Every structure is written in structure tokens, then in C-alpha cells.
N, C-alpha and C. Protein backbone atom coordinates (compact mmCIF):
# COMPACT_ATOMS: atom_id res chain seq x y z
N MET A 1 32.13 125.90 117.42
CA MET A 1 32.72 124.63 117.02
C MET A 1 33.08 123.86 118.29
N PRO A 2 32.57 122.64 118.46
CA PRO A 2 32.87 121.88 119.67
C PRO A 2 34.34 121.49 119.73
N LEU A 3 34.88 121.49 120.94
CA LEU A 3 36.28 121.12 121.15
C LEU A 3 36.34 119.82 121.94
N LYS A 4 37.34 119.02 121.63
CA LYS A 4 37.62 117.83 122.44
C LYS A 4 38.91 118.14 123.21
N THR A 5 39.06 117.52 124.37
CA THR A 5 40.17 117.85 125.25
C THR A 5 40.92 116.60 125.66
N VAL A 6 42.24 116.75 125.78
CA VAL A 6 43.09 115.70 126.31
C VAL A 6 44.04 116.34 127.31
N GLU A 7 44.35 115.61 128.38
CA GLU A 7 45.30 116.09 129.38
C GLU A 7 46.49 115.15 129.37
N LEU A 8 47.69 115.74 129.25
CA LEU A 8 48.93 114.96 129.20
C LEU A 8 49.86 115.43 130.31
N THR A 9 50.73 114.54 130.73
CA THR A 9 51.77 114.90 131.69
C THR A 9 53.12 114.71 131.03
N SER A 10 53.97 115.71 131.17
CA SER A 10 55.34 115.64 130.69
C SER A 10 56.26 115.68 131.90
N THR A 11 57.23 114.78 131.94
CA THR A 11 58.15 114.75 133.07
C THR A 11 59.53 115.33 132.74
N SER A 12 59.67 115.87 131.51
CA SER A 12 60.96 116.45 131.12
C SER A 12 60.77 117.38 129.93
N ALA A 13 61.78 118.21 129.71
CA ALA A 13 61.76 119.09 128.53
C ALA A 13 61.75 118.25 127.25
N GLU A 14 62.44 117.12 127.26
CA GLU A 14 62.47 116.24 126.09
C GLU A 14 61.09 115.69 125.78
N GLN A 15 60.35 115.37 126.81
CA GLN A 15 59.00 114.84 126.61
C GLN A 15 58.06 115.95 126.12
N THR A 16 58.22 117.17 126.64
CA THR A 16 57.42 118.31 126.15
C THR A 16 57.72 118.55 124.68
N PHE A 17 59.01 118.49 124.31
CA PHE A 17 59.41 118.61 122.91
C PHE A 17 58.72 117.54 122.07
N ALA A 18 58.72 116.29 122.56
CA ALA A 18 58.12 115.17 121.82
C ALA A 18 56.61 115.37 121.62
N ILE A 19 55.94 115.91 122.62
CA ILE A 19 54.51 116.21 122.48
C ILE A 19 54.32 117.26 121.39
N GLY A 20 55.17 118.29 121.41
CA GLY A 20 55.12 119.31 120.35
C GLY A 20 55.39 118.71 118.99
N TYR A 21 56.35 117.81 118.91
CA TYR A 21 56.68 117.16 117.64
C TYR A 21 55.46 116.41 117.10
N SER A 22 54.80 115.69 117.97
CA SER A 22 53.60 114.95 117.57
C SER A 22 52.51 115.90 117.07
N LEU A 23 52.33 117.02 117.77
CA LEU A 23 51.36 118.03 117.31
C LEU A 23 51.74 118.54 115.92
N GLY A 24 53.03 118.80 115.72
CA GLY A 24 53.50 119.32 114.43
C GLY A 24 53.31 118.35 113.29
N THR A 25 53.50 117.06 113.55
CA THR A 25 53.32 116.08 112.46
C THR A 25 51.85 115.99 112.05
N ASN A 26 50.95 116.31 112.98
CA ASN A 26 49.52 116.27 112.69
C ASN A 26 48.96 117.61 112.21
N ALA A 27 49.76 118.66 112.27
CA ALA A 27 49.29 119.99 111.89
C ALA A 27 49.06 120.10 110.39
N ARG A 28 48.06 120.90 110.05
CA ARG A 28 47.76 121.20 108.65
C ARG A 28 47.87 122.71 108.46
N ASN A 29 48.24 123.11 107.26
CA ASN A 29 48.27 124.54 106.98
C ASN A 29 46.93 125.15 107.36
N GLY A 30 46.99 126.28 108.02
CA GLY A 30 45.80 126.95 108.52
C GLY A 30 45.57 126.74 110.00
N ASP A 31 46.23 125.74 110.60
CA ASP A 31 46.05 125.49 112.03
C ASP A 31 46.70 126.61 112.85
N VAL A 32 46.05 126.93 113.97
CA VAL A 32 46.56 127.92 114.92
C VAL A 32 46.67 127.23 116.27
N PHE A 33 47.84 127.33 116.89
CA PHE A 33 48.08 126.78 118.21
C PHE A 33 48.24 127.94 119.18
N ALA A 34 47.33 128.05 120.12
CA ALA A 34 47.32 129.13 121.11
C ALA A 34 47.88 128.58 122.41
N LEU A 35 49.06 129.05 122.80
CA LEU A 35 49.73 128.54 123.99
C LEU A 35 49.49 129.45 125.18
N VAL A 36 49.17 128.84 126.30
CA VAL A 36 48.90 129.56 127.53
C VAL A 36 49.76 128.93 128.62
N GLY A 37 50.46 129.75 129.39
CA GLY A 37 51.27 129.25 130.49
C GLY A 37 52.17 130.33 131.03
N GLU A 38 52.55 130.18 132.26
CA GLU A 38 53.42 131.15 132.91
C GLU A 38 54.82 131.14 132.29
N LEU A 39 55.60 132.14 132.61
CA LEU A 39 56.99 132.22 132.18
C LEU A 39 57.72 130.96 132.65
N GLY A 40 58.41 130.29 131.74
CA GLY A 40 59.15 129.09 132.09
C GLY A 40 58.33 127.81 132.09
N ALA A 41 57.08 127.88 131.67
CA ALA A 41 56.21 126.69 131.68
C ALA A 41 56.60 125.69 130.61
N GLY A 42 57.21 126.14 129.51
CA GLY A 42 57.61 125.24 128.44
C GLY A 42 57.00 125.55 127.09
N LYS A 43 56.46 126.76 126.93
CA LYS A 43 55.82 127.14 125.67
C LYS A 43 56.80 127.09 124.50
N THR A 44 58.00 127.60 124.71
CA THR A 44 58.98 127.62 123.61
C THR A 44 59.52 126.22 123.34
N VAL A 45 59.70 125.41 124.37
CA VAL A 45 60.14 124.01 124.16
C VAL A 45 59.10 123.27 123.32
N LEU A 46 57.82 123.45 123.67
CA LEU A 46 56.74 122.82 122.90
C LEU A 46 56.78 123.32 121.45
N THR A 47 57.01 124.61 121.27
CA THR A 47 57.07 125.20 119.92
C THR A 47 58.23 124.62 119.12
N LYS A 48 59.37 124.40 119.75
CA LYS A 48 60.52 123.80 119.05
C LYS A 48 60.15 122.42 118.51
N GLY A 49 59.46 121.63 119.32
CA GLY A 49 59.03 120.32 118.86
C GLY A 49 58.00 120.43 117.76
N LEU A 50 57.05 121.33 117.93
CA LEU A 50 56.02 121.55 116.93
C LEU A 50 56.65 121.93 115.59
N ALA A 51 57.65 122.80 115.65
CA ALA A 51 58.33 123.25 114.42
C ALA A 51 58.98 122.07 113.71
N GLN A 52 59.74 121.25 114.45
CA GLN A 52 60.40 120.10 113.80
C GLN A 52 59.38 119.11 113.27
N GLY A 53 58.30 118.89 114.01
CA GLY A 53 57.26 117.98 113.52
C GLY A 53 56.59 118.49 112.27
N PHE A 54 56.54 119.81 112.12
CA PHE A 54 55.93 120.42 110.94
C PHE A 54 56.90 120.47 109.76
N GLY A 55 58.16 120.13 110.01
CA GLY A 55 59.13 120.08 108.92
C GLY A 55 60.11 121.22 108.88
N VAL A 56 60.16 122.05 109.92
CA VAL A 56 61.19 123.08 110.00
C VAL A 56 62.50 122.36 110.29
N PRO A 57 63.56 122.62 109.51
CA PRO A 57 64.82 121.90 109.71
C PRO A 57 65.35 122.04 111.14
N SER A 58 65.96 120.97 111.64
CA SER A 58 66.45 120.95 113.02
C SER A 58 67.58 121.96 113.25
N HIS A 59 68.25 122.40 112.20
CA HIS A 59 69.32 123.39 112.39
C HIS A 59 68.77 124.80 112.63
N CYS A 60 67.49 125.02 112.40
CA CYS A 60 66.88 126.33 112.68
C CYS A 60 66.77 126.52 114.19
N VAL A 61 67.21 127.66 114.65
CA VAL A 61 67.15 127.96 116.07
C VAL A 61 65.80 128.63 116.35
N ILE A 62 64.96 127.96 117.11
CA ILE A 62 63.63 128.47 117.43
C ILE A 62 63.74 129.21 118.76
N THR A 63 63.44 130.50 118.74
CA THR A 63 63.47 131.30 119.97
C THR A 63 62.15 132.04 120.10
N SER A 64 61.81 132.37 121.32
CA SER A 64 60.58 133.12 121.54
C SER A 64 60.75 134.53 121.00
N PRO A 65 59.80 135.00 120.20
CA PRO A 65 59.92 136.35 119.62
C PRO A 65 59.43 137.45 120.58
N THR A 66 59.95 137.43 121.80
CA THR A 66 59.49 138.36 122.84
C THR A 66 59.62 139.81 122.41
N PHE A 67 60.71 140.17 121.77
CA PHE A 67 60.92 141.57 121.38
C PHE A 67 60.60 141.83 119.93
N THR A 68 60.74 140.81 119.07
CA THR A 68 60.45 141.00 117.65
C THR A 68 58.97 140.77 117.35
N LEU A 69 58.25 140.13 118.27
CA LEU A 69 56.83 139.79 118.19
C LEU A 69 56.52 138.63 117.26
N ILE A 70 57.22 138.53 116.12
CA ILE A 70 56.94 137.46 115.15
C ILE A 70 58.24 136.92 114.58
N ASN A 71 58.38 135.61 114.58
CA ASN A 71 59.45 134.93 113.85
C ASN A 71 58.78 134.01 112.83
N GLU A 72 59.39 133.89 111.67
CA GLU A 72 58.90 132.98 110.64
C GLU A 72 59.98 131.96 110.33
N TYR A 73 59.55 130.69 110.23
CA TYR A 73 60.47 129.60 109.92
C TYR A 73 59.90 128.81 108.76
N GLU A 74 60.71 128.64 107.71
CA GLU A 74 60.30 127.86 106.55
C GLU A 74 60.45 126.38 106.85
N GLY A 75 59.40 125.63 106.58
CA GLY A 75 59.42 124.19 106.77
C GLY A 75 59.11 123.47 105.49
N GLU A 76 59.17 122.16 105.53
CA GLU A 76 58.89 121.35 104.35
C GLU A 76 57.44 121.49 103.90
N ARG A 77 56.54 121.73 104.85
CA ARG A 77 55.11 121.76 104.54
C ARG A 77 54.53 123.17 104.56
N GLY A 78 55.35 124.16 104.85
CA GLY A 78 54.85 125.52 104.91
C GLY A 78 55.65 126.34 105.91
N VAL A 79 55.13 127.50 106.23
CA VAL A 79 55.79 128.43 107.14
C VAL A 79 55.22 128.24 108.54
N LEU A 80 56.08 128.27 109.54
CA LEU A 80 55.62 128.32 110.92
C LEU A 80 55.74 129.78 111.36
N PHE A 81 54.61 130.39 111.65
CA PHE A 81 54.56 131.76 112.16
C PHE A 81 54.53 131.66 113.69
N HIS A 82 55.55 132.20 114.34
CA HIS A 82 55.66 132.11 115.80
C HIS A 82 55.48 133.52 116.36
N LEU A 83 54.37 133.72 117.06
CA LEU A 83 54.04 135.03 117.61
C LEU A 83 54.11 135.01 119.12
N ASP A 84 54.60 136.09 119.69
CA ASP A 84 54.60 136.28 121.14
C ASP A 84 53.84 137.58 121.39
N ILE A 85 52.65 137.46 121.97
CA ILE A 85 51.80 138.66 122.12
C ILE A 85 51.80 139.20 123.55
N TYR A 86 52.79 138.79 124.33
CA TYR A 86 52.88 139.25 125.72
C TYR A 86 52.88 140.77 125.82
N ARG A 87 53.58 141.44 124.94
CA ARG A 87 53.75 142.90 125.02
C ARG A 87 52.61 143.68 124.36
N LEU A 88 51.66 142.99 123.74
CA LEU A 88 50.55 143.69 123.10
C LEU A 88 49.48 144.02 124.14
N ALA A 89 48.82 145.16 123.95
CA ALA A 89 47.84 145.62 124.94
C ALA A 89 46.41 145.27 124.58
N LYS A 90 46.09 145.27 123.29
CA LYS A 90 44.70 145.05 122.88
C LYS A 90 44.66 144.30 121.56
N SER A 91 43.52 143.70 121.27
CA SER A 91 43.42 142.85 120.09
C SER A 91 43.65 143.62 118.79
N THR A 92 43.39 144.91 118.76
CA THR A 92 43.67 145.68 117.54
C THR A 92 45.17 145.74 117.26
N ASP A 93 45.99 145.52 118.30
CA ASP A 93 47.44 145.46 118.09
C ASP A 93 47.81 144.28 117.19
N LEU A 94 47.01 143.21 117.23
CA LEU A 94 47.26 142.07 116.34
C LEU A 94 47.13 142.49 114.88
N THR A 95 46.13 143.30 114.61
CA THR A 95 45.94 143.81 113.25
C THR A 95 47.12 144.69 112.86
N ASP A 96 47.57 145.51 113.80
CA ASP A 96 48.68 146.43 113.52
C ASP A 96 49.96 145.70 113.14
N ILE A 97 50.18 144.52 113.69
CA ILE A 97 51.41 143.78 113.37
C ILE A 97 51.21 142.79 112.21
N GLY A 98 50.00 142.76 111.64
CA GLY A 98 49.74 141.89 110.50
C GLY A 98 49.43 140.45 110.86
N ALA A 99 49.07 140.20 112.12
CA ALA A 99 48.83 138.83 112.56
C ALA A 99 47.65 138.18 111.85
N GLU A 100 46.67 138.95 111.44
CA GLU A 100 45.50 138.38 110.76
C GLU A 100 45.89 137.60 109.52
N GLU A 101 46.98 138.01 108.86
CA GLU A 101 47.45 137.32 107.67
C GLU A 101 48.10 135.98 108.00
N MET A 102 48.51 135.81 109.27
CA MET A 102 49.20 134.59 109.68
C MET A 102 48.28 133.61 110.38
N LEU A 103 47.29 134.13 111.12
CA LEU A 103 46.39 133.27 111.87
C LEU A 103 45.40 132.62 110.91
N GLY A 104 45.57 131.33 110.69
CA GLY A 104 44.70 130.62 109.76
C GLY A 104 45.19 130.67 108.33
N SER A 105 46.43 131.08 108.12
CA SER A 105 46.98 131.19 106.76
C SER A 105 47.18 129.82 106.13
N GLU A 106 46.83 129.71 104.88
CA GLU A 106 47.05 128.47 104.14
C GLU A 106 48.53 128.30 103.76
N ARG A 107 49.33 129.32 104.07
CA ARG A 107 50.78 129.23 103.82
C ARG A 107 51.50 128.43 104.89
N GLY A 108 50.82 128.19 106.03
CA GLY A 108 51.49 127.46 107.11
C GLY A 108 50.64 127.42 108.36
N ILE A 109 51.32 127.27 109.49
CA ILE A 109 50.64 127.22 110.78
C ILE A 109 51.12 128.38 111.65
N ALA A 110 50.35 128.70 112.67
CA ALA A 110 50.72 129.78 113.59
C ALA A 110 50.76 129.23 115.01
N VAL A 111 51.78 129.64 115.75
CA VAL A 111 51.89 129.33 117.17
C VAL A 111 51.91 130.67 117.89
N VAL A 112 50.98 130.86 118.81
CA VAL A 112 50.83 132.14 119.52
C VAL A 112 51.10 131.91 121.00
N GLU A 113 52.21 132.48 121.49
CA GLU A 113 52.50 132.41 122.92
C GLU A 113 51.76 133.53 123.64
N TRP A 114 51.33 133.26 124.87
CA TRP A 114 50.56 134.19 125.71
C TRP A 114 49.19 134.48 125.10
N ALA A 115 48.61 133.49 124.45
CA ALA A 115 47.34 133.66 123.74
C ALA A 115 46.19 134.00 124.67
N ASP A 116 46.32 133.71 125.96
CA ASP A 116 45.24 134.02 126.89
C ASP A 116 45.00 135.53 127.01
N LYS A 117 46.00 136.32 126.64
CA LYS A 117 45.83 137.78 126.67
C LYS A 117 44.77 138.24 125.68
N MET A 118 44.60 137.47 124.59
CA MET A 118 43.66 137.85 123.54
C MET A 118 42.96 136.63 122.96
N SER A 119 42.49 135.75 123.81
CA SER A 119 41.87 134.52 123.33
C SER A 119 40.66 134.79 122.44
N GLU A 120 39.98 135.92 122.69
CA GLU A 120 38.81 136.27 121.87
C GLU A 120 39.20 136.61 120.43
N ALA A 121 40.47 136.93 120.21
CA ALA A 121 40.93 137.30 118.87
C ALA A 121 41.44 136.09 118.08
N MET A 122 41.52 134.93 118.72
CA MET A 122 41.98 133.74 118.02
C MET A 122 40.86 133.24 117.10
N PRO A 123 41.22 132.78 115.91
CA PRO A 123 40.17 132.35 114.97
C PRO A 123 39.46 131.07 115.42
N GLU A 124 38.28 130.87 114.87
CA GLU A 124 37.54 129.64 115.14
C GLU A 124 38.39 128.45 114.71
N GLY A 125 38.36 127.39 115.50
CA GLY A 125 39.15 126.21 115.19
C GLY A 125 40.54 126.21 115.80
N THR A 126 40.87 127.24 116.59
CA THR A 126 42.17 127.31 117.23
C THR A 126 42.35 126.15 118.20
N ILE A 127 43.56 125.62 118.24
CA ILE A 127 43.93 124.55 119.17
C ILE A 127 44.57 125.23 120.38
N PHE A 128 43.90 125.17 121.53
CA PHE A 128 44.39 125.81 122.74
C PHE A 128 45.18 124.80 123.57
N ILE A 129 46.36 125.22 124.03
CA ILE A 129 47.22 124.35 124.84
C ILE A 129 47.61 125.13 126.09
N ARG A 130 47.15 124.65 127.25
CA ARG A 130 47.51 125.25 128.54
C ARG A 130 48.60 124.39 129.16
N ILE A 131 49.74 125.02 129.46
CA ILE A 131 50.87 124.32 130.07
C ILE A 131 51.06 124.87 131.47
N SER A 132 51.12 123.98 132.44
CA SER A 132 51.37 124.44 133.81
C SER A 132 52.41 123.53 134.47
N ALA A 133 53.29 124.16 135.22
CA ALA A 133 54.33 123.41 135.94
C ALA A 133 53.69 122.72 137.14
N THR A 134 54.01 121.44 137.30
CA THR A 134 53.54 120.72 138.48
C THR A 134 54.68 120.54 139.47
N ASP A 135 55.91 120.60 138.98
CA ASP A 135 57.11 120.70 139.81
C ASP A 135 58.23 121.19 138.88
N GLU A 136 59.47 121.14 139.33
CA GLU A 136 60.55 121.73 138.54
C GLU A 136 60.68 121.17 137.13
N SER A 137 60.45 119.87 136.96
CA SER A 137 60.62 119.28 135.63
C SER A 137 59.33 118.76 135.01
N SER A 138 58.26 118.64 135.76
CA SER A 138 57.01 118.10 135.23
C SER A 138 56.04 119.19 134.82
N ARG A 139 55.28 118.89 133.76
CA ARG A 139 54.29 119.83 133.25
C ARG A 139 52.99 119.09 132.97
N LYS A 140 51.90 119.80 133.18
CA LYS A 140 50.59 119.30 132.78
C LYS A 140 50.19 120.10 131.54
N LEU A 141 49.81 119.40 130.48
CA LEU A 141 49.36 120.04 129.26
C LEU A 141 47.91 119.67 129.02
N VAL A 142 47.06 120.66 128.89
CA VAL A 142 45.66 120.44 128.56
C VAL A 142 45.45 120.99 127.16
N ILE A 143 45.11 120.11 126.24
CA ILE A 143 44.96 120.49 124.84
C ILE A 143 43.49 120.39 124.46
N ALA A 144 42.95 121.49 123.97
CA ALA A 144 41.56 121.54 123.49
C ALA A 144 41.60 121.84 122.00
N ALA A 145 41.07 120.91 121.21
CA ALA A 145 41.17 121.02 119.76
C ALA A 145 39.82 120.73 119.11
N PRO A 146 39.61 121.26 117.90
CA PRO A 146 38.39 120.93 117.17
C PRO A 146 38.37 119.45 116.80
N GLU A 147 37.19 118.97 116.46
CA GLU A 147 36.99 117.55 116.17
C GLU A 147 37.93 117.01 115.09
N HIS A 148 38.29 117.82 114.10
CA HIS A 148 39.13 117.31 112.99
C HIS A 148 40.55 117.02 113.41
N PHE A 149 41.03 117.60 114.51
CA PHE A 149 42.44 117.43 114.89
C PHE A 149 42.59 116.11 115.64
N PRO A 150 43.54 115.25 115.21
CA PRO A 150 43.67 113.91 115.79
C PRO A 150 44.39 113.88 117.14
N LEU A 151 43.69 114.27 118.19
CA LEU A 151 44.29 114.30 119.53
C LEU A 151 44.69 112.90 120.01
N ALA A 152 44.02 111.88 119.56
CA ALA A 152 44.30 110.52 120.04
C ALA A 152 45.73 110.09 119.70
N THR A 153 46.37 110.74 118.72
CA THR A 153 47.71 110.36 118.31
C THR A 153 48.78 111.17 119.03
N ILE A 154 48.40 112.08 119.91
CA ILE A 154 49.35 112.94 120.60
C ILE A 154 49.75 112.32 121.92
N GLY A 155 51.06 112.43 122.21
CA GLY A 155 51.51 111.99 123.52
C GLY A 155 52.32 110.78 123.52
């Protein structure tokens, strides 16, 4: 499936959140967002925005599921499945934790942190987002999405 790409610059955590919010408003059940970036790059900030844009209430505290591996948040339009696969060793570990039921689920959307560890296990049509720090507060986001996802409205 061909991907289209957009590169965005964020100069603050608030702007990274806003980019995530825009992604969330455009998300459809079944979408998978694969986040790639070093520790502290802004993956969880982006996820917080994505969650609110998808309709997860603002009072929900979105945290990285580093030790629990998966957090689920109920939203107006479905469930946001938030996975952190940093501690997994191989793609069969995804099956062991039941991730296959969440990746591409019509019940909601999935956000996978550290997706570069198992990019081959991400389903077709996954939206890949690479976040890299350009300085202490600025980030470069490269988003690669399938043709159906409206990238022109992001940012």
C-alpha cells in the first residue's frame, strides 16, 4: 500500500499535543499509529493529544504503559489501545499479550510506542510517525500514512 509523507516541526509540547489532537480527530476505528522516537522525544505527549482528538475525555490521565504494556481508554468514538512494546523481545510477544486483537480493531484505534522494534509486525495501513528532538523544545515529526488518511489537515 503506497504511503504519503508529511514533515512537521513542533516548537513546544503544546504544539506536539495539538498535532496529536489533529491526528485523533481524523482517526477512524481500525487505524494503527506506530510511534518511533527516542526516550523523551514526545511520543506520550503526541498520544495524549491523539486520545483527546479521538474523544477520550480530558480528565483521563494518559500515561505510557511501560510496565503494564497496554492501557485502554474509552472514548466517544471507540477505545484507544495504547501499547508500549519497548520491553518485548520478538514479534510473537505481541501475540502473547493479545495485541493482534487491538491492532486494526474496529472497536477503536491503537497507538504503539517503540514500534520500530517490530515494524514488520504492524498491520498494512499503519500510520508511522517518527519523532526526533531537534533541540530541547523542538521536534521534527515525519508522518507516513496510507492514501486514505487526510494528512493535509494535520498540523
